[in-house]
PDB file of N, CA and C in Angstrom:
ATOM      1  N   UNK A   1     283.568  81.619 -35.227  1.00  0.00           N
ATOM      2  CA  UNK A   1     283.431  82.357 -36.479  1.00  0.00           C
ATOM      3  C   UNK A   1     282.787  81.448 -37.530  1.00  0.00           C
ATOM      4  N   UNK A   2     281.792  81.978 -38.222  1.00  0.00           N
ATOM      5  CA  UNK A   2     281.062  81.202 -39.220  1.00  0.00           C
ATOM      6  C   UNK A   2     281.847  81.205 -40.527  1.00  0.00           C
ATOM      7  N   UNK A   3     281.871  80.053 -41.164  1.00  0.00           N
ATOM      8  CA  UNK A   3     282.556  79.937 -42.451  1.00  0.00           C
ATOM      9  C   UNK A   3     281.691  79.146 -43.421  1.00  0.00           C
ATOM     10  N   UNK A   4     281.802  79.474 -44.694  1.00  0.00           N
ATOM     11  CA  UNK A   4     281.087  78.757 -45.743  1.00  0.00           C
ATOM     12  C   UNK A   4     282.113  78.066 -46.624  1.00  0.00           C
ATOM     13  N   UNK A   5     281.769  76.852 -47.053  1.00  0.00           N
ATOM     14  CA  UNK A   5     282.734  76.025 -47.768  1.00  0.00           C
ATOM     15  C   UNK A   5     282.104  75.451 -49.033  1.00  0.00           C
ATOM     16  N   UNK A   6     282.924  75.256 -50.046  1.00  0.00           N
ATOM     17  CA  UNK A   6     282.484  74.584 -51.275  1.00  0.00           C
ATOM     18  C   UNK A   6     283.609  73.690 -51.757  1.00  0.00           C
ATOM     19  N   UNK A   7     283.237  72.519 -52.268  1.00  0.00           N
ATOM     20  CA  UNK A   7     284.218  71.542 -52.735  1.00  0.00           C
ATOM     21  C   UNK A   7     283.803  71.000 -54.100  1.00  0.00           C
ATOM     22  N   UNK A   8     284.781  70.872 -54.986  1.00  0.00           N
ATOM     23  CA  UNK A   8     284.571  70.206 -56.272  1.00  0.00           C
ATOM     24  C   UNK A   8     285.486  68.983 -56.273  1.00  0.00           C
ATOM     25  N   UNK A   9     284.904  67.807 -56.433  1.00  0.00           N
ATOM     26  CA  UNK A   9     285.701  66.587 -56.361  1.00  0.00           C
ATOM     27  C   UNK A   9     285.856  65.944 -57.737  1.00  0.00           C
ATOM     28  N   UNK A  10     286.917  65.179 -57.868  1.00  0.00           N
ATOM     29  CA  UNK A  10     287.210  64.400 -59.079  1.00  0.00           C
ATOM     30  C   UNK A  10     287.323  65.279 -60.323  1.00  0.00           C
ATOM     31  N   UNK A  11     287.937  66.451 -60.190  1.00  0.00           N
ATOM     32  CA  UNK A  11     288.137  67.355 -61.322  1.00  0.00           C
ATOM     33  C   UNK A  11     289.328  66.858 -62.137  1.00  0.00           C
ATOM     34  N   UNK A  12     289.180  66.803 -63.462  1.00  0.00           N
ATOM     35  CA  UNK A  12     290.236  66.235 -64.324  1.00  0.00           C
ATOM     36  C   UNK A  12     291.317  67.271 -64.641  1.00  0.00           C
ATOM     37  N   UNK A  13     292.033  67.680 -63.602  1.00  0.00           N
ATOM     38  CA  UNK A  13     293.195  68.534 -63.772  1.00  0.00           C
ATOM     39  C   UNK A  13     294.209  68.096 -62.720  1.00  0.00           C
ATOM     40  N   UNK A  14     295.471  68.120 -63.078  1.00  0.00           N
ATOM     41  CA  UNK A  14     296.512  67.699 -62.138  1.00  0.00           C
ATOM     42  C   UNK A  14     296.559  68.672 -60.960  1.00  0.00           C
ATOM     43  N   UNK A  15     296.719  68.155 -59.735  1.00  0.00           N
ATOM     44  CA  UNK A  15     296.720  69.025 -58.554  1.00  0.00           C
ATOM     45  C   UNK A  15     297.793  70.110 -58.588  1.00  0.00           C
ATOM     46  N   UNK A  16     298.971  69.798 -59.109  1.00  0.00           N
ATOM     47  CA  UNK A  16     300.031  70.819 -59.111  1.00  0.00           C
ATOM     48  C   UNK A  16     299.700  71.972 -60.051  1.00  0.00           C
ATOM     49  N   UNK A  17     298.901  71.711 -61.098  1.00  0.00           N
ATOM     50  CA  UNK A  17     298.475  72.777 -61.998  1.00  0.00           C
ATOM     51  C   UNK A  17     297.383  73.632 -61.352  1.00  0.00           C
ATOM     52  N   UNK A  18     296.507  72.987 -60.605  1.00  0.00           N
ATOM     53  CA  UNK A  18     295.430  73.722 -59.925  1.00  0.00           C
ATOM     54  C   UNK A  18     295.975  74.536 -58.749  1.00  0.00           C
ATOM     55  N   UNK A  19     297.021  74.036 -58.089  1.00  0.00           N
ATOM     56  CA  UNK A  19     297.596  74.747 -56.938  1.00  0.00           C
ATOM     57  C   UNK A  19     298.213  76.085 -57.333  1.00  0.00           C
ATOM     58  N   UNK A  20     298.740  76.169 -58.548  1.00  0.00           N
ATOM     59  CA  UNK A  20     299.301  77.427 -59.041  1.00  0.00           C
ATOM     60  C   UNK A  20     298.232  78.517 -59.018  1.00  0.00           C
ATOM     61  N   UNK A  21     297.016  78.164 -59.416  1.00  0.00           N
ATOM     62  CA  UNK A  21     295.918  79.124 -59.472  1.00  0.00           C
ATOM     63  C   UNK A  21     295.379  79.408 -58.071  1.00  0.00           C
ATOM     64  N   UNK A  22     295.245  78.369 -57.268  1.00  0.00           N
ATOM     65  CA  UNK A  22     294.659  78.524 -55.929  1.00  0.00           C
ATOM     66  C   UNK A  22     295.531  79.415 -55.050  1.00  0.00           C
ATOM     67  N   UNK A  23     296.856  79.380 -55.264  1.00  0.00           N
ATOM     68  CA  UNK A  23     297.770  80.210 -54.478  1.00  0.00           C
ATOM     69  C   UNK A  23     297.564  81.697 -54.758  1.00  0.00           C
ATOM     70  N   UNK A  24     297.030  82.030 -55.934  1.00  0.00           N
ATOM     71  CA  UNK A  24     296.819  83.430 -56.303  1.00  0.00           C
ATOM     72  C   UNK A  24     295.697  84.091 -55.504  1.00  0.00           C
ATOM     73  N   UNK A  25     294.698  83.307 -55.067  1.00  0.00           N
ATOM     74  CA  UNK A  25     293.515  83.909 -54.430  1.00  0.00           C
ATOM     75  C   UNK A  25     293.474  83.736 -52.914  1.00  0.00           C
ATOM     76  N   UNK A  26     294.332  82.910 -52.356  1.00  0.00           N
ATOM     77  CA  UNK A  26     294.286  82.641 -50.916  1.00  0.00           C
ATOM     78  C   UNK A  26     294.501  83.922 -50.113  1.00  0.00           C
ATOM     79  N   UNK A  27     293.560  84.226 -49.189  1.00  0.00           N
ATOM     80  CA  UNK A  27     293.672  85.402 -48.331  1.00  0.00           C
ATOM     81  C   UNK A  27     293.123  86.681 -48.922  1.00  0.00           C
ATOM     82  N   UNK A  28     292.686  86.667 -50.173  1.00  0.00           N
ATOM     83  CA  UNK A  28     292.201  87.882 -50.834  1.00  0.00           C
ATOM     84  C   UNK A  28     290.704  88.095 -50.581  1.00  0.00           C
ATOM     85  N   UNK A  29     290.284  89.323 -50.801  1.00  0.00           N
ATOM     86  CA  UNK A  29     288.874  89.672 -50.775  1.00  0.00           C
ATOM     87  C   UNK A  29     288.182  88.924 -51.927  1.00  0.00           C
ATOM     88  N   UNK A  30     286.901  88.587 -51.773  1.00  0.00           N
ATOM     89  CA  UNK A  30     286.202  87.772 -52.777  1.00  0.00           C
ATOM     90  C   UNK A  30     286.116  88.496 -54.125  1.00  0.00           C
ATOM     91  N   UNK A  31     285.819  89.793 -54.115  1.00  0.00           N
ATOM     92  CA  UNK A  31     285.713  90.522 -55.384  1.00  0.00           C
ATOM     93  C   UNK A  31     287.075  90.597 -56.080  1.00  0.00           C
ATOM     94  N   UNK A  32     288.133  90.775 -55.283  1.00  0.00           N
ATOM     95  CA  UNK A  32     289.489  90.803 -55.834  1.00  0.00           C
ATOM     96  C   UNK A  32     289.866  89.434 -56.397  1.00  0.00           C
ATOM     97  N   UNK A  33     289.463  88.367 -55.695  1.00  0.00           N
ATOM     98  CA  UNK A  33     289.757  87.002 -56.136  1.00  0.00           C
ATOM     99  C   UNK A  33     289.076  86.703 -57.477  1.00  0.00           C
ATOM    100  N   UNK A  34     287.820  87.142 -57.620  1.00  0.00           N
ATOM    101  CA  UNK A  34     287.117  86.939 -58.895  1.00  0.00           C
ATOM    102  C   UNK A  34     287.828  87.680 -60.029  1.00  0.00           C
ATOM    103  N   UNK A  35     288.314  88.890 -59.752  1.00  0.00           N
ATOM    104  CA  UNK A  35     289.021  89.676 -60.766  1.00  0.00           C
ATOM    105  C   UNK A  35     290.321  88.988 -61.174  1.00  0.00           C
ATOM    106  N   UNK A  36     291.042  88.453 -60.202  1.00  0.00           N
ATOM    107  CA  UNK A  36     292.303  87.751 -60.489  1.00  0.00           C
ATOM    108  C   UNK A  36     292.033  86.516 -61.341  1.00  0.00           C
ATOM    109  N   UNK A  37     291.014  85.752 -60.976  1.00  0.00           N
ATOM    110  CA  UNK A  37     290.696  84.518 -61.711  1.00  0.00           C
ATOM    111  C   UNK A  37     290.228  84.814 -63.134  1.00  0.00           C
ATOM    112  N   UNK A  38     289.533  85.926 -63.317  1.00  0.00           N
ATOM    113  CA  UNK A  38     289.026  86.273 -64.641  1.00  0.00           C
ATOM    114  C   UNK A  38     290.148  86.470 -65.648  1.00  0.00           C
ATOM    115  N   UNK A  39     291.275  87.029 -65.185  1.00  0.00           N
ATOM    116  CA  UNK A  39     292.375  87.332 -66.093  1.00  0.00           C
ATOM    117  C   UNK A  39     293.559  86.389 -65.945  1.00  0.00           C
ATOM    118  N   UNK A  40     293.340  85.231 -65.330  1.00  0.00           N
ATOM    119  CA  UNK A  40     294.404  84.235 -65.206  1.00  0.00           C
ATOM    120  C   UNK A  40     294.280  83.236 -66.354  1.00  0.00           C
ATOM    121  N   UNK A  41     295.285  83.156 -67.239  1.00  0.00           N
ATOM    122  CA  UNK A  41     295.187  82.282 -68.414  1.00  0.00           C
ATOM    123  C   UNK A  41     295.609  80.840 -68.127  1.00  0.00           C
ATOM    124  N   UNK A  42     295.077  80.254 -67.093  1.00  0.00           N
ATOM    125  CA  UNK A  42     295.395  78.870 -66.740  1.00  0.00           C
ATOM    126  C   UNK A  42     294.117  78.040 -66.799  1.00  0.00           C
ATOM    127  N   UNK A  43     294.279  76.745 -67.028  1.00  0.00           N
ATOM    128  CA  UNK A  43     293.122  75.854 -67.134  1.00  0.00           C
ATOM    129  C   UNK A  43     292.383  75.746 -65.798  1.00  0.00           C
ATOM    130  N   UNK A  44     293.116  75.824 -64.701  1.00  0.00           N
ATOM    131  CA  UNK A  44     292.513  75.682 -63.382  1.00  0.00           C
ATOM    132  C   UNK A  44     291.697  76.884 -62.951  1.00  0.00           C
ATOM    133  N   UNK A  45     291.846  78.017 -63.620  1.00  0.00           N
ATOM    134  CA  UNK A  45     291.144  79.243 -63.226  1.00  0.00           C
ATOM    135  C   UNK A  45     289.633  79.082 -63.326  1.00  0.00           C
ATOM    136  N   UNK A  46     289.156  78.391 -64.367  1.00  0.00           N
ATOM    137  CA  UNK A  46     287.715  78.185 -64.534  1.00  0.00           C
ATOM    138  C   UNK A  46     287.148  77.336 -63.409  1.00  0.00           C
ATOM    139  N   UNK A  47     287.856  76.285 -63.058  1.00  0.00           N
ATOM    140  CA  UNK A  47     287.410  75.372 -61.991  1.00  0.00           C
ATOM    141  C   UNK A  47     287.373  76.097 -60.649  1.00  0.00           C
ATOM    142  N   UNK A  48     288.446  76.818 -60.329  1.00  0.00           N
ATOM    143  CA  UNK A  48     288.531  77.527 -59.050  1.00  0.00           C
ATOM    144  C   UNK A  48     287.471  78.630 -58.992  1.00  0.00           C
ATOM    145  N   UNK A  49     287.218  79.295 -60.110  1.00  0.00           N
ATOM    146  CA  UNK A  49     286.187  80.330 -60.171  1.00  0.00           C
ATOM    147  C   UNK A  49     284.815  79.748 -59.842  1.00  0.00           C
ATOM    148  N   UNK A  50     284.536  78.586 -60.386  1.00  0.00           N
ATOM    149  CA  UNK A  50     283.255  77.921 -60.156  1.00  0.00           C
ATOM    150  C   UNK A  50     283.088  77.537 -58.676  1.00  0.00           C
ATOM    151  N   UNK A  51     284.154  77.021 -58.070  1.00  0.00           N
ATOM    152  CA  UNK A  51     284.106  76.617 -56.663  1.00  0.00           C
ATOM    153  C   UNK A  51     283.958  77.852 -55.765  1.00  0.00           C
ATOM    154  N   UNK A  52     284.662  78.926 -56.105  1.00  0.00           N
ATOM    155  CA  UNK A  52     284.566  80.165 -55.324  1.00  0.00           C
ATOM    156  C   UNK A  52     283.156  80.745 -55.403  1.00  0.00           C
ATOM    157  N   UNK A  53     282.550  80.724 -56.587  1.00  0.00           N
ATOM    158  CA  UNK A  53     281.164  81.184 -56.749  1.00  0.00           C
ATOM    159  C   UNK A  53     280.224  80.380 -55.858  1.00  0.00           C
ATOM    160  N   UNK A  54     280.446  79.075 -55.821  1.00  0.00           N
ATOM    161  CA  UNK A  54     279.612  78.194 -55.001  1.00  0.00           C
ATOM    162  C   UNK A  54     279.779  78.503 -53.513  1.00  0.00           C
ATOM    163  N   UNK A  55     281.017  78.757 -53.081  1.00  0.00           N
ATOM    164  CA  UNK A  55     281.275  79.079 -51.671  1.00  0.00           C
ATOM    165  C   UNK A  55     280.605  80.395 -51.279  1.00  0.00           C
ATOM    166  N   UNK A  56     280.658  81.384 -52.174  1.00  0.00           N
ATOM    167  CA  UNK A  56     280.012  82.677 -51.916  1.00  0.00           C
ATOM    168  C   UNK A  56     278.495  82.506 -51.848  1.00  0.00           C
ATOM    169  N   UNK A  57     277.935  81.697 -52.742  1.00  0.00           N
ATOM    170  CA  UNK A  57     276.499  81.438 -52.737  1.00  0.00           C
ATOM    171  C   UNK A  57     276.076  80.713 -51.459  1.00  0.00           C
ATOM    172  N   UNK A  58     276.907  79.760 -51.014  1.00  0.00           N
ATOM    173  CA  UNK A  58     276.621  79.064 -49.759  1.00  0.00           C
ATOM    174  C   UNK A  58     276.629  80.038 -48.588  1.00  0.00           C
ATOM    175  N   UNK A  59     277.595  80.946 -48.564  1.00  0.00           N
ATOM    176  CA  UNK A  59     277.694  81.933 -47.485  1.00  0.00           C
ATOM    177  C   UNK A  59     276.469  82.844 -47.452  1.00  0.00           C
ATOM    178  N   UNK A  60     276.053  83.264 -48.642  1.00  0.00           N
ATOM    179  CA  UNK A  60     274.929  84.197 -48.733  1.00  0.00           C
ATOM    180  C   UNK A  60     273.603  83.526 -48.379  1.00  0.00           C
ATOM    181  N   UNK A  61     273.365  82.343 -48.939  1.00  0.00           N
ATOM    182  CA  UNK A  61     272.060  81.698 -48.788  1.00  0.00           C
ATOM    183  C   UNK A  61     271.915  80.874 -47.511  1.00  0.00           C
ATOM    184  N   UNK A  62     272.990  80.207 -47.080  1.00  0.00           N
ATOM    185  CA  UNK A  62     272.878  79.312 -45.928  1.00  0.00           C
ATOM    186  C   UNK A  62     273.223  79.979 -44.606  1.00  0.00           C
ATOM    187  N   UNK A  63     274.109  80.987 -44.647  1.00  0.00           N
ATOM    188  CA  UNK A  63     274.584  81.588 -43.401  1.00  0.00           C
ATOM    189  C   UNK A  63     274.285  83.083 -43.296  1.00  0.00           C
ATOM    190  N   UNK A  64     273.556  83.654 -44.258  1.00  0.00           N
ATOM    191  CA  UNK A  64     273.186  85.079 -44.276  1.00  0.00           C
ATOM    192  C   UNK A  64     274.382  86.001 -44.065  1.00  0.00           C
ATOM    193  N   UNK A  65     275.490  85.709 -44.751  1.00  0.00           N
ATOM    194  CA  UNK A  65     276.679  86.554 -44.642  1.00  0.00           C
ATOM    195  C   UNK A  65     276.606  87.687 -45.660  1.00  0.00           C
ATOM    196  N   UNK A  66     277.313  88.772 -45.370  1.00  0.00           N
ATOM    197  CA  UNK A  66     277.399  89.905 -46.281  1.00  0.00           C
ATOM    198  C   UNK A  66     278.457  89.590 -47.342  1.00  0.00           C
ATOM    199  N   UNK A  67     278.076  89.564 -48.606  1.00  0.00           N
ATOM    200  CA  UNK A  67     278.975  89.165 -49.694  1.00  0.00           C
ATOM    201  C   UNK A  67     280.153  90.135 -49.826  1.00  0.00           C
ATOM    202  N   UNK A  68     279.914  91.414 -49.562  1.00  0.00           N
ATOM    203  CA  UNK A  68     280.976  92.415 -49.704  1.00  0.00           C
ATOM    204  C   UNK A  68     282.066  92.270 -48.648  1.00  0.00           C
ATOM    205  N   UNK A  69     281.753  91.624 -47.520  1.00  0.00           N
ATOM    206  CA  UNK A  69     282.722  91.486 -46.425  1.00  0.00           C
ATOM    207  C   UNK A  69     283.433  90.130 -46.434  1.00  0.00           C
ATOM    208  N   UNK A  70     283.210  89.335 -47.465  1.00  0.00           N
ATOM    209  CA  UNK A  70     283.806  87.989 -47.506  1.00  0.00           C
ATOM    210  C   UNK A  70     285.242  88.025 -48.024  1.00  0.00           C
ATOM    211  N   UNK A  71     286.041  87.097 -47.508  1.00  0.00           N
ATOM    212  CA  UNK A  71     287.398  86.891 -48.019  1.00  0.00           C
ATOM    213  C   UNK A  71     287.689  85.397 -48.059  1.00  0.00           C
ATOM    214  N   UNK A  72     288.677  85.003 -48.852  1.00  0.00           N
ATOM    215  CA  UNK A  72     289.040  83.593 -49.001  1.00  0.00           C
ATOM    216  C   UNK A  72     289.926  83.212 -47.814  1.00  0.00           C
ATOM    217  N   UNK A  73     289.341  82.515 -46.839  1.00  0.00           N
ATOM    218  CA  UNK A  73     290.070  82.139 -45.626  1.00  0.00           C
ATOM    219  C   UNK A  73     290.999  80.962 -45.894  1.00  0.00           C
ATOM    220  N   UNK A  74     290.482  79.953 -46.588  1.00  0.00           N
ATOM    221  CA  UNK A  74     291.271  78.770 -46.936  1.00  0.00           C
ATOM    222  C   UNK A  74     290.987  78.408 -48.379  1.00  0.00           C
ATOM    223  N   UNK A  75     292.001  77.915 -49.055  1.00  0.00           N
ATOM    224  CA  UNK A  75     291.842  77.406 -50.416  1.00  0.00           C
ATOM    225  C   UNK A  75     292.932  76.378 -50.641  1.00  0.00           C
ATOM    226  N   UNK A  76     292.534  75.159 -50.939  1.00  0.00           N
ATOM    227  CA  UNK A  76     293.533  74.115 -51.145  1.00  0.00           C
ATOM    228  C   UNK A  76     293.046  73.085 -52.153  1.00  0.00           C
ATOM    229  N   UNK A  77     294.026  72.367 -52.701  1.00  0.00           N
ATOM    230  CA  UNK A  77     293.752  71.324 -53.694  1.00  0.00           C
ATOM    231  C   UNK A  77     294.373  70.025 -53.196  1.00  0.00           C
ATOM    232  N   UNK A  78     293.555  68.999 -53.068  1.00  0.00           N
ATOM    233  CA  UNK A  78     294.039  67.670 -52.684  1.00  0.00           C
ATOM    234  C   UNK A  78     294.017  66.771 -53.912  1.00  0.00           C
ATOM    235  N   UNK A  79     294.853  65.751 -53.882  1.00  0.00           N
ATOM    236  CA  UNK A  79     294.890  64.817 -55.007  1.00  0.00           C
ATOM    237  C   UNK A  79     293.758  63.807 -54.903  1.00  0.00           C
ATOM    238  N   UNK A  80     293.088  63.585 -56.025  1.00  0.00           N
ATOM    239  CA  UNK A  80     292.046  62.574 -56.099  1.00  0.00           C
ATOM    240  C   UNK A  80     292.627  61.295 -56.679  1.00  0.00           C
ATOM    241  N   UNK A  81     291.777  60.355 -57.041  1.00  0.00           N
ATOM    242  CA  UNK A  81     292.274  59.119 -57.641  1.00  0.00           C
ATOM    243  C   UNK A  81     292.896  59.368 -59.008  1.00  0.00           C
ATOM    244  N   UNK A  82     293.886  58.572 -59.348  1.00  0.00           N
ATOM    245  CA  UNK A  82     294.591  58.709 -60.617  1.00  0.00           C
ATOM    246  C   UNK A  82     294.070  57.684 -61.614  1.00  0.00           C
ATOM    247  N   UNK A  83     293.724  58.152 -62.816  1.00  0.00           N
ATOM    248  CA  UNK A  83     293.307  57.248 -63.887  1.00  0.00           C
ATOM    249  C   UNK A  83     294.563  56.758 -64.596  1.00  0.00           C
ATOM    250  N   UNK A  84     294.711  55.460 -64.704  1.00  0.00           N
ATOM    251  CA  UNK A  84     295.913  54.901 -65.331  1.00  0.00           C
ATOM    252  C   UNK A  84     295.579  54.435 -66.747  1.00  0.00           C
ATOM    253  N   UNK A  85     296.330  54.951 -67.699  1.00  0.00           N
ATOM    254  CA  UNK A  85     296.138  54.602 -69.100  1.00  0.00           C
ATOM    255  C   UNK A  85     297.449  54.075 -69.656  1.00  0.00           C
ATOM    256  N   UNK A  86     297.364  53.301 -70.747  1.00  0.00           N
ATOM    257  CA  UNK A  86     298.568  52.713 -71.327  1.00  0.00           C
ATOM    258  C   UNK A  86     298.799  53.279 -72.712  1.00  0.00           C
ATOM    259  N   UNK A  87     300.033  53.662 -72.982  1.00  0.00           N
ATOM    260  CA  UNK A  87     300.423  54.181 -74.289  1.00  0.00           C
ATOM    261  C   UNK A  87     301.399  53.183 -74.920  1.00  0.00           C
ATOM    262  N   UNK A  88     301.047  52.599 -76.061  1.00  0.00           N
ATOM    263  CA  UNK A  88     301.957  51.646 -76.702  1.00  0.00           C
ATOM    264  C   UNK A  88     303.232  52.321 -77.216  1.00  0.00           C
ATOM    265  N   UNK A  89     304.367  51.645 -77.012  1.00  0.00           N
ATOM    266  CA  UNK A  89     305.654  52.160 -77.470  1.00  0.00           C
ATOM    267  C   UNK A  89     306.296  51.138 -78.402  1.00  0.00           C
ATOM    268  N   UNK A  90     307.496  51.443 -78.824  1.00  0.00           N
ATOM    269  CA  UNK A  90     308.156  50.567 -79.793  1.00  0.00           C
ATOM    270  C   UNK A  90     308.516  49.213 -79.175  1.00  0.00           C
ATOM    271  N   UNK A  91     308.692  48.239 -80.020  1.00  0.00           N
ATOM    272  CA  UNK A  91     309.106  46.880 -79.649  1.00  0.00           C
ATOM    273  C   UNK A  91     308.180  46.241 -78.616  1.00  0.00           C
ATOM    274  N   UNK A  92     306.893  46.526 -78.714  1.00  0.00           N
ATOM    275  CA  UNK A  92     305.918  45.862 -77.856  1.00  0.00           C
ATOM    276  C   UNK A  92     305.867  46.373 -76.430  1.00  0.00           C
ATOM    277  N   UNK A  93     306.586  47.428 -76.139  1.00  0.00           N
ATOM    278  CA  UNK A  93     306.549  47.967 -74.776  1.00  0.00           C
ATOM    279  C   UNK A  93     305.274  48.784 -74.570  1.00  0.00           C
ATOM    280  N   UNK A  94     304.960  49.039 -73.303  1.00  0.00           N
ATOM    281  CA  UNK A  94     303.813  49.882 -72.964  1.00  0.00           C
ATOM    282  C   UNK A  94     304.231  50.841 -71.858  1.00  0.00           C
ATOM    283  N   UNK A  95     303.966  52.143 -72.048  1.00  0.00           N
ATOM    284  CA  UNK A  95     304.262  53.147 -71.034  1.00  0.00           C
ATOM    285  C   UNK A  95     302.965  53.552 -70.360  1.00  0.00           C
ATOM    286  N   UNK A  96     303.043  53.822 -69.064  1.00  0.00           N
ATOM    287  CA  UNK A  96     301.876  54.251 -68.307  1.00  0.00           C
ATOM    288  C   UNK A  96     301.681  55.753 -68.448  1.00  0.00           C
ATOM    289  N   UNK A  97     300.435  56.160 -68.639  1.00  0.00           N
ATOM    290  CA  UNK A  97     300.074  57.571 -68.588  1.00  0.00           C
ATOM    291  C   UNK A  97     299.202  57.740 -67.360  1.00  0.00           C
ATOM    292  N   UNK A  98     299.593  58.642 -66.464  1.00  0.00           N
ATOM    293  CA  UNK A  98     298.835  58.897 -65.239  1.00  0.00           C
ATOM    294  C   UNK A  98     298.003  60.156 -65.423  1.00  0.00           C
ATOM    295  N   UNK A  99     296.688  59.975 -65.488  1.00  0.00           N
ATOM    296  CA  UNK A  99     295.784  61.120 -65.616  1.00  0.00           C
ATOM    297  C   UNK A  99     295.275  61.439 -64.218  1.00  0.00           C
ATOM    298  N   UNK A 100     295.820  62.497 -63.643  1.00  0.00           N
ATOM    299  CA  UNK A 100     295.544  62.818 -62.244  1.00  0.00           C
ATOM    300  C   UNK A 100     294.266  63.637 -62.097  1.00  0.00           C
ATOM    301  N   UNK A 101     293.598  63.451 -60.953  1.00  0.00           N
ATOM    302  CA  UNK A 101     292.393  64.217 -60.641  1.00  0.00           C
ATOM    303  C   UNK A 101     292.620  65.002 -59.355  1.00  0.00           C
ATOM    304  N   UNK A 102     291.758  66.000 -59.137  1.00  0.00           N
ATOM    305  CA  UNK A 102     291.910  66.896 -57.995  1.00  0.00           C
ATOM    306  C   UNK A 102     290.594  67.067 -57.247  1.00  0.00           C
ATOM    307  N   UNK A 103     290.721  67.380 -55.951  1.00  0.00           N
ATOM    308  CA  UNK A 103     289.601  67.822 -55.125  1.00  0.00           C
ATOM    309  C   UNK A 103     289.909  69.256 -54.720  1.00  0.00           C
ATOM    310  N   UNK A 104     289.116  70.211 -55.211  1.00  0.00           N
ATOM    311  CA  UNK A 104     289.359  71.633 -54.947  1.00  0.00           C
ATOM    312  C   UNK A 104     288.404  72.095 -53.843  1.00  0.00           C
ATOM    313  N   UNK A 105     288.945  72.737 -52.793  1.00  0.00           N
ATOM    314  CA  UNK A 105     288.146  73.233 -51.669  1.00  0.00           C
ATOM    315  C   UNK A 105     288.438  74.710 -51.428  1.00  0.00           C
ATOM    316  N   UNK A 106     287.373  75.490 -51.280  1.00  0.00           N
ATOM    317  CA  UNK A 106     287.489  76.913 -50.967  1.00  0.00           C
ATOM    318  C   UNK A 106     286.598  77.224 -49.777  1.00  0.00           C
ATOM    319  N   UNK A 107     287.181  77.911 -48.778  1.00  0.00           N
ATOM    320  CA  UNK A 107     286.447  78.318 -47.567  1.00  0.00           C
ATOM    321  C   UNK A 107     286.468  79.837 -47.501  1.00  0.00           C
ATOM    322  N   UNK A 108     285.280  80.443 -47.334  1.00  0.00           N
ATOM    323  CA  UNK A 108     285.181  81.902 -47.195  1.00  0.00           C
ATOM    324  C   UNK A 108     284.666  82.256 -45.809  1.00  0.00           C
ATOM    325  N   UNK A 109     285.175  83.379 -45.279  1.00  0.00           N
ATOM    326  CA  UNK A 109     284.731  83.902 -43.978  1.00  0.00           C
ATOM    327  C   UNK A 109     284.429  85.379 -44.115  1.00  0.00           C
ATOM    328  N   UNK A 110     283.705  85.900 -43.123  1.00  0.00           N
ATOM    329  CA  UNK A 110     283.402  87.321 -43.079  1.00  0.00           C
ATOM    330  C   UNK A 110     284.473  88.061 -42.309  1.00  0.00           C
ATOM    331  N   UNK A 111     284.810  89.270 -42.749  1.00  0.00           N
ATOM    332  CA  UNK A 111     285.800  90.086 -42.019  1.00  0.00           C
ATOM    333  C   UNK A 111     285.156  90.689 -40.796  1.00  0.00           C
TER     334      UNK A 111
END
């Protein structure tokens, strides 16, 4: 079975925040997934929407798939490298701030 894939790497959003959004579209029809993402008020919705658009474009242009018959076969978020920052605290202490990054992957297949 032919599948089309798109990946966005080093996205500046925590993986657990992006996973909330990705769980909403897994297994859905592509048009339904776009509708869900459009009305999801989360920061990760824009990123996932962009990756899904790219996966659909890859399917259409590289594999000659029918866009109307596509569905989200796989969708997952992996953790990327963490940016470590320091926040000064009282009495000369320093607290670490972990700015996490994500790798978002979406795979679409034809029904």
